[in-house]
Protein backbone atom coordinates (compact mmCIF):
# COMPACT_ATOMS: atom_id res chain seq x y z
CA MET A 1 4.29 31.34 -9.47
CA GLY A 2 0.85 32.89 -8.96
CA ASN A 3 -1.23 32.41 -5.84
CA HIS A 4 -4.68 33.35 -4.60
CA GLN A 5 -6.50 32.41 -1.41
CA ALA A 6 -10.19 32.64 -0.58
CA ASP A 7 -11.50 31.15 2.68
CA LYS A 8 -10.38 27.49 2.84
CA LYS A 9 -9.33 27.36 -0.80
CA PHE A 10 -5.94 28.22 -2.18
CA THR A 11 -5.23 28.56 -5.90
CA TRP A 12 -1.72 27.93 -7.13
CA VAL A 13 -0.84 28.85 -10.70
CA ILE A 14 2.43 27.30 -11.84
CA LYS A 15 3.66 29.57 -14.62
CA ASN A 16 6.16 28.77 -17.36
CA TYR A 17 5.59 25.06 -16.76
CA ASN A 18 7.53 23.91 -19.82
CA SER A 19 10.63 25.79 -18.69
CA LEU A 20 10.72 24.16 -15.24
CA GLY A 21 13.68 21.96 -14.49
CA SER A 22 13.61 18.67 -12.61
CA GLY A 23 13.13 18.67 -8.86
CA SER A 24 10.63 20.34 -6.58
CA VAL A 25 8.74 23.63 -6.69
CA TYR A 26 6.86 25.31 -3.83
CA SER A 27 3.85 27.57 -3.68
CA ASP A 28 3.65 30.60 -1.45
CA THR A 29 2.60 29.97 2.14
CA PHE A 30 -1.13 30.21 2.90
CA LYS A 31 -3.25 30.04 6.04
CA ALA A 32 -5.40 27.01 6.83
CA ASP A 33 -5.67 27.00 10.64
CA CYS A 34 -1.87 27.11 10.55
CA CYS A 35 0.46 28.07 7.74
CA LYS A 36 0.77 25.61 4.87
CA ARG A 37 2.17 25.49 1.36
CA LEU A 38 2.09 23.14 -1.60
CA LEU A 39 5.02 21.10 -2.85
CA ALA A 40 5.13 19.60 -6.34
CA PHE A 41 7.48 17.45 -8.38
CA PRO A 42 6.12 18.42 -11.81
CA LYS A 43 8.62 16.49 -13.91
CA GLU A 44 10.92 14.44 -11.63
CA ASN A 45 13.59 13.96 -14.30
CA ASN A 46 10.97 12.45 -16.64
CA ILE A 47 11.48 9.08 -14.91
CA TYR A 48 7.93 8.72 -13.63
CA ASP A 49 4.62 9.06 -15.43
CA TYR A 50 2.98 11.12 -12.70
CA PHE A 51 2.88 14.63 -11.28
CA PHE A 52 3.61 14.41 -7.52
CA LEU A 53 1.69 16.85 -5.31
CA TYR A 54 1.90 17.33 -1.54
CA ILE A 55 0.82 19.78 1.15
CA CYS A 56 3.23 20.58 3.95
CA VAL A 57 3.52 22.63 7.12
CA PRO A 58 6.55 24.93 6.77
CA ASN A 59 8.55 26.10 9.78
CA SER A 60 6.82 23.50 11.92
CA GLU A 61 9.51 23.89 14.57
CA SER A 62 7.92 27.23 15.49
CA LEU A 63 4.64 25.55 16.49
CA PRO A 64 3.98 24.51 20.12
CA SER A 65 5.45 21.18 21.14
CA GLY A 66 2.97 18.32 20.72
CA TRP A 67 0.77 20.00 18.11
CA ARG A 68 -1.41 17.65 16.07
CA LYS A 69 -4.14 18.36 13.53
CA ARG A 70 -6.43 16.22 11.42
CA ALA A 71 -7.55 17.74 8.13
CA LYS A 72 -9.38 16.80 4.96
CA VAL A 73 -7.29 17.88 1.98
CA SER A 74 -8.46 18.03 -1.61
CA PHE A 75 -6.47 18.88 -4.73
CA THR A 76 -8.03 19.86 -8.04
CA MET A 77 -6.06 20.02 -11.27
CA VAL A 78 -8.15 22.64 -13.06
CA ASN A 79 -9.21 22.06 -16.64
CA GLN A 80 -8.92 25.54 -18.11
CA ILE A 81 -11.07 24.77 -21.17
CA PRO A 82 -14.67 25.95 -20.55
CA GLY A 83 -16.76 22.86 -19.82
CA GLY A 84 -13.67 20.66 -19.49
CA LEU A 85 -13.47 18.08 -16.72
CA SER A 86 -11.05 18.85 -13.90
CA GLN A 87 -9.32 16.09 -11.92
CA GLN A 88 -9.74 15.92 -8.14
CA ARG A 89 -8.43 13.77 -5.31
CA GLU A 90 -9.02 14.09 -1.57
CA ALA A 91 -7.96 12.35 1.63
CA VAL A 92 -7.87 12.85 5.40
CA TYR A 93 -4.46 13.18 7.07
CA TRP A 94 -2.95 13.73 10.50
CA PHE A 95 -0.28 16.45 10.55
CA ASP A 96 2.12 16.56 13.49
CA GLU A 97 5.73 17.27 14.40
CA LYS A 98 7.05 14.16 12.66
CA ASP A 99 4.67 14.00 9.71
CA THR A 100 4.42 17.49 8.28
CA THR A 101 3.94 16.50 4.64
CA HIS A 102 1.19 14.49 2.96
CA GLY A 103 -0.19 14.14 -0.52
CA PHE A 104 -0.53 12.09 -3.67
CA GLU A 105 2.26 10.51 -5.64
CA SER A 106 0.22 9.18 -8.58
CA MET A 107 -2.56 11.74 -8.84
CA PHE A 108 -2.02 13.24 -12.29
CA LEU A 109 -0.58 11.62 -15.40
CA LEU A 110 2.15 13.81 -16.87
CA SER A 111 0.97 12.97 -20.37
CA GLU A 112 -2.50 14.31 -19.50
CA ILE A 113 -1.10 17.54 -18.10
CA GLN A 114 1.39 18.17 -20.88
CA SER A 115 -0.96 17.36 -23.75
CA SER A 116 -1.92 20.59 -25.53
CA ASP A 117 -5.54 19.53 -26.10
CA LYS A 118 -6.44 18.30 -22.59
CA GLY A 119 -6.89 21.76 -21.07
CA PHE A 120 -4.62 21.40 -18.03
CA LEU A 121 -1.66 23.28 -19.53
CA VAL A 122 -2.79 26.54 -21.14
CA ASN A 123 -0.48 29.40 -22.10
CA GLY A 124 2.31 27.71 -20.18
CA GLU A 125 0.30 27.67 -16.94
CA VAL A 126 -1.01 24.85 -14.75
CA LYS A 127 -3.66 25.74 -12.16
CA ILE A 128 -4.14 23.77 -8.93
CA VAL A 129 -6.78 24.44 -6.28
CA ALA A 130 -6.16 23.10 -2.78
CA GLU A 131 -8.87 23.03 -0.13
CA VAL A 132 -8.10 22.31 3.51
CA ASP A 133 -10.81 21.58 6.08
CA VAL A 134 -9.38 21.19 9.60
CA LEU A 135 -11.44 18.49 11.36
CA GLU A 136 -9.69 18.15 14.71
CA VAL A 137 -6.96 19.82 16.71
CA ILE A 138 -5.27 18.09 19.65
CA GLY A 139 -3.35 20.13 22.16
CA GLU A 140 -0.02 19.23 23.66
CA LEU A 141 -1.44 17.50 26.75
CA ASP A 142 -3.70 15.27 24.63
CA VAL A 143 -1.07 14.09 22.20
CA PRO A 144 0.08 10.49 22.74
CA GLU A 145 3.77 9.88 22.39
CA GLU A 146 4.60 9.10 18.76
CA PRO A 147 6.72 6.01 18.11
CA GLU A 148 10.23 6.74 16.94
CA ARG A 149 11.02 5.87 13.33
CA ILE A 150 13.73 3.28 12.80
CA ASP A 151 15.93 2.86 9.74
CA ILE A 152 15.28 -0.44 7.94
CA ASN A 153 17.45 -0.84 4.86
CA GLY A 154 17.37 2.89 4.24
CA PHE A 155 13.61 3.31 4.91
CA GLN A 156 12.29 5.20 7.93
CA VAL A 157 9.76 2.86 9.53
CA PRO A 158 7.61 3.34 12.68
CA ALA A 159 8.63 1.04 15.50
CA SER A 160 5.27 -0.72 15.30
CA GLN A 161 6.05 -1.84 11.73
CA VAL A 162 9.66 -2.93 12.24
CA GLU A 163 8.82 -6.63 12.62
CA SER A 164 6.62 -6.75 9.53
CA MET A 165 9.16 -4.77 7.51
CA ASN A 166 12.00 -7.08 8.55
CA SER A 167 9.85 -10.03 7.55
CA LEU A 168 9.15 -8.45 4.16
CA PHE A 169 12.82 -7.79 3.48
CA GLU A 170 13.81 -11.29 4.63
CA LYS A 171 11.13 -13.05 2.59
CA TYR A 172 11.75 -11.07 -0.59
CA ARG A 173 15.45 -10.28 -0.47
CA GLY A 174 16.57 -7.53 -2.80
CA PHE A 175 13.07 -6.36 -3.75
CA ALA A 176 14.14 -2.77 -2.97
CA SER A 177 17.82 -3.08 -3.89
CA LYS A 178 17.59 -0.78 -6.91
CA ILE A 179 15.75 2.08 -5.21
CA PHE A 180 17.67 5.27 -5.93
CA PRO A 181 15.81 8.37 -4.61
CA LYS A 182 17.71 9.98 -1.76
CA ASN A 183 14.67 12.00 -0.71
CA GLN A 184 13.36 10.22 2.41
CA HIS A 185 9.79 11.37 1.74
CA LEU A 186 9.85 9.73 -1.70
CA ARG A 187 11.35 6.53 -0.27
CA LYS A 188 8.60 6.45 2.37
CA THR A 189 6.00 7.06 -0.34
CA PHE A 190 7.26 4.12 -2.40
CA LEU A 191 7.20 1.79 0.59
CA ASP A 192 3.68 2.93 1.54
CA VAL A 193 2.51 2.10 -1.99
CA VAL A 194 4.01 -1.39 -1.75
CA LEU A 195 2.30 -1.98 1.60
CA SER A 196 -1.02 -0.70 0.22
CA MET A 197 -0.73 -3.04 -2.78
CA THR A 198 0.07 -5.97 -0.53
CA GLU A 199 -3.01 -5.25 1.60
CA ILE A 200 -5.23 -5.02 -1.50
CA LEU A 201 -4.00 -8.28 -3.01
CA CYS A 202 -4.26 -10.16 0.29
CA LYS A 203 -8.05 -9.89 0.02
CA SER A 204 -10.06 -12.67 -1.58
CA PRO A 205 -11.01 -12.13 -5.26
CA GLU A 206 -14.65 -11.76 -4.25
CA GLU A 207 -13.79 -8.76 -2.07
CA LEU A 208 -11.95 -6.91 -4.85
CA SER A 209 -13.61 -4.64 -7.39
CA SER A 210 -12.20 -4.02 -10.85
CA GLY A 211 -11.35 -0.56 -9.53
CA ASP A 212 -9.22 -2.16 -6.80
CA LEU A 213 -7.36 -4.19 -9.41
CA ALA A 214 -6.84 -1.13 -11.62
CA GLU A 215 -5.47 0.79 -8.63
CA ALA A 216 -3.12 -2.11 -7.79
CA TYR A 217 -1.90 -2.28 -11.40
CA SER A 218 -1.24 1.47 -11.49
CA ALA A 219 0.63 1.25 -8.19
CA LEU A 220 2.64 -1.74 -9.46
CA ARG A 221 3.79 0.21 -12.54
CA PHE A 222 4.65 3.20 -10.37
CA VAL A 223 6.91 1.36 -7.94
CA THR A 224 8.55 -0.97 -10.49
CA LYS A 225 9.63 2.10 -12.46
CA ALA A 226 11.33 3.26 -9.27
CA GLY A 227 13.33 0.02 -9.08
CA PHE A 228 11.29 -2.31 -6.85
CA LYS A 229 11.34 -5.97 -7.90
CA LEU A 230 7.84 -7.21 -7.08
CA ASP A 231 7.50 -10.48 -9.02
CA TRP A 232 5.35 -12.06 -6.32
CA LEU A 233 2.86 -9.16 -6.37
CA GLU A 234 2.77 -9.15 -10.18
CA LYS A 235 2.00 -12.89 -10.14
CA LYS A 236 -0.72 -12.41 -7.52
CA LEU A 237 -2.29 -9.55 -9.51
CA LYS A 238 -2.36 -11.64 -12.71
CA GLU A 239 -3.92 -14.63 -10.91
CA THR A 240 -6.60 -12.48 -9.31
CA GLY A 241 -7.25 -10.43 -12.44
CA LYS A 242 -7.72 -13.47 -14.70
CA SER A 243 -10.53 -14.70 -12.46
CA ARG A 244 -12.29 -11.35 -13.05
CA LEU A 245 -11.48 -10.97 -16.75
CA GLN A 246 -15.06 -10.90 -18.00
CA GLU A 247 -16.11 -8.31 -15.42
CA ILE A 248 -13.12 -6.11 -16.27
CA GLU A 249 -13.92 -6.34 -20.00
CA GLU A 250 -17.51 -5.28 -19.30
CA ASP A 251 -16.34 -2.34 -17.16
CA LEU A 252 -13.96 -1.31 -19.94
CA LYS A 253 -16.79 -1.36 -22.49
CA ASP A 254 -18.85 0.92 -20.24
CA LEU A 255 -15.91 3.31 -19.87
CA LYS A 256 -15.36 3.40 -23.64
CA VAL A 257 -19.03 4.24 -24.18
CA LYS A 258 -18.82 7.05 -21.62
CA CYS A 259 -15.64 8.39 -23.25
CA ALA A 260 -17.30 8.32 -26.65
CA ASP A 261 -20.27 10.21 -25.23
CA MET A 262 -17.96 12.85 -23.71
CA ASP A 263 -16.06 13.23 -27.01
CA ALA A 264 -19.34 13.69 -28.85
CA LEU A 265 -20.42 16.29 -26.27
CA LEU A 266 -17.15 18.20 -26.68
CA ASP A 267 -17.54 18.17 -30.47
CA PHE A 268 -21.09 19.46 -30.05
CA LEU A 269 -20.03 22.26 -27.69
CA ARG A 270 -17.06 23.48 -29.73
């Protein structure tokens, strides 16, 4: 692995990508207010369509009791072809003693990364740039007591969500019966995606954009591949989407025009 840090940015070059096995890989540790490093699941046994990418605080037990930091994190999958478009995602997270790892589970399509003509995998190398901007630091005396996580059917759930989780499992029995990852972080990620989808689809159709529906569909594919049985959410998505069919078709036309323009530009520049 190759690594380079400049100010708040950290560049991670994953070398010999095609020879990587399944499972996780880590970057070197870098400084961003406190030590951090990147964690990736670049292939994940070829079960999922996405490259998982997280940022974590290693050796967090060495930090003072009660530490808590809020940071804006951005990841960029670098397009190594001159003029090529890189892919970027960003979010704001709280890091603390119990939640030391955050990131994106459906950020990059594996097919996009592995395609030889997309520019993300060049000479066997994938380049990722992480930028961390620490927004707030709370000392030990200011940290409120964090609720203990409770095991609900194999998922670690905050005490404040136990009632709603029990209701979900009772109402839709067996919806998570085929979930197989043993990694607790992945299991938590899957459940968070289901909850996010549920929140999106609980909105009225007028409140949802076609982008919201596309995000819900992507999330639905992601979690059903993992073994969730979400017939009720699939039905809700279809009902909502059909009421917006014309708008979605118009958005798709616009996207196709933009893609055609970008292809023409690439042909012109090459």
